[in-house]
């Protein structure tokens, strides 16, 4: 399994697991990032942080630390 951070720009990945705990995991789930959802990696900043993704038809920007907690297929 890979983290979402390892997915190149322009690719789609399916969420398999969220590894965060407590508040961080809850915040990610509140953004409707859950097991089985497809995530499209739209943009990656030049220094790699933040990463812009599309989830369920809306766009989000995430920090690398949060993206690394999302395992994908």
Protein backbone atom coordinates (compact mmCIF):
# COMPACT_ATOMS: atom_id res chain seq x y z
CA UNK A 1 0.00 0.00 0.00
CA UNK A 2 1.03 3.55 -0.71
CA UNK A 3 0.17 6.84 0.90
CA UNK A 4 -1.72 9.47 -1.04
CA UNK A 5 1.45 11.57 -1.01
CA UNK A 6 3.12 9.02 -3.33
CA UNK A 7 0.47 9.40 -6.04
CA UNK A 8 1.66 11.63 -8.90
CA UNK A 9 -0.24 14.69 -10.06
CA UNK A 10 -3.05 13.84 -12.49
CA UNK A 11 -3.70 10.35 -11.09
CA UNK A 12 -6.69 8.88 -9.28
CA UNK A 13 -6.38 6.63 -6.24
CA UNK A 14 -8.92 4.76 -4.10
CA UNK A 15 -8.74 5.18 -0.32
CA UNK A 16 -8.14 1.89 1.48
CA UNK A 17 -7.39 3.02 5.07
CA UNK A 18 -6.99 6.11 7.25
CA UNK A 19 -4.09 5.71 9.68
CA UNK A 20 -4.48 8.88 11.74
CA UNK A 21 -5.91 8.91 15.23
CA UNK A 22 -8.32 11.05 17.18
CA UNK A 23 -8.95 14.60 16.04
CA UNK A 24 -6.90 14.37 12.83
CA UNK A 25 -8.65 11.21 11.62
CA UNK A 26 -12.06 12.70 12.48
CA UNK A 27 -11.22 15.90 10.55
CA UNK A 28 -10.21 13.90 7.47
CA UNK A 29 -13.42 11.87 7.67
CA UNK A 30 -15.48 15.07 8.09
CA UNK A 31 -14.11 16.15 4.70
CA UNK A 32 -15.79 13.02 3.32
CA UNK A 33 -12.53 11.19 2.74
CA UNK A 34 -13.52 7.66 3.69
CA UNK A 35 -12.65 4.10 2.72
CA UNK A 36 -13.47 3.32 -0.91
CA UNK A 37 -13.70 6.91 -2.18
CA UNK A 38 -11.69 7.97 -5.26
CA UNK A 39 -9.31 10.92 -4.88
CA UNK A 40 -7.90 12.82 -7.86
CA UNK A 41 -4.55 14.53 -7.25
CA UNK A 42 -4.95 17.93 -8.96
CA UNK A 43 -1.84 19.90 -8.01
CA UNK A 44 1.26 19.54 -5.90
CA UNK A 45 3.02 22.70 -4.75
CA UNK A 46 6.66 23.14 -5.80
CA UNK A 47 7.94 22.32 -2.34
CA UNK A 48 5.41 19.47 -2.00
CA UNK A 49 3.13 21.18 0.51
CA UNK A 50 0.15 21.63 0.20
CA UNK A 51 -1.39 19.08 -2.14
CA UNK A 52 -4.66 19.90 -3.89
CA UNK A 53 -7.10 17.03 -4.45
CA UNK A 54 -10.64 16.52 -5.73
CA UNK A 55 -12.92 14.35 -3.58
CA UNK A 56 -16.60 13.67 -4.34
CA UNK A 57 -16.78 16.67 -6.69
CA UNK A 58 -15.13 19.30 -4.50
CA UNK A 59 -11.55 20.54 -4.15
CA UNK A 60 -9.43 20.43 -1.00
CA UNK A 61 -5.90 21.42 -0.08
CA UNK A 62 -4.09 19.26 2.45
CA UNK A 63 -0.79 19.39 4.26
CA UNK A 64 1.73 16.61 3.63
CA UNK A 65 1.32 15.38 7.20
CA UNK A 66 -2.41 14.79 6.66
CA UNK A 67 -1.96 13.24 3.21
CA UNK A 68 0.51 10.70 4.59
CA UNK A 69 -2.24 9.32 6.86
CA UNK A 70 -4.34 8.28 3.85
CA UNK A 71 -3.40 4.86 2.44
CA UNK A 72 -4.54 4.17 -1.13
CA UNK A 73 -4.69 1.30 -3.61
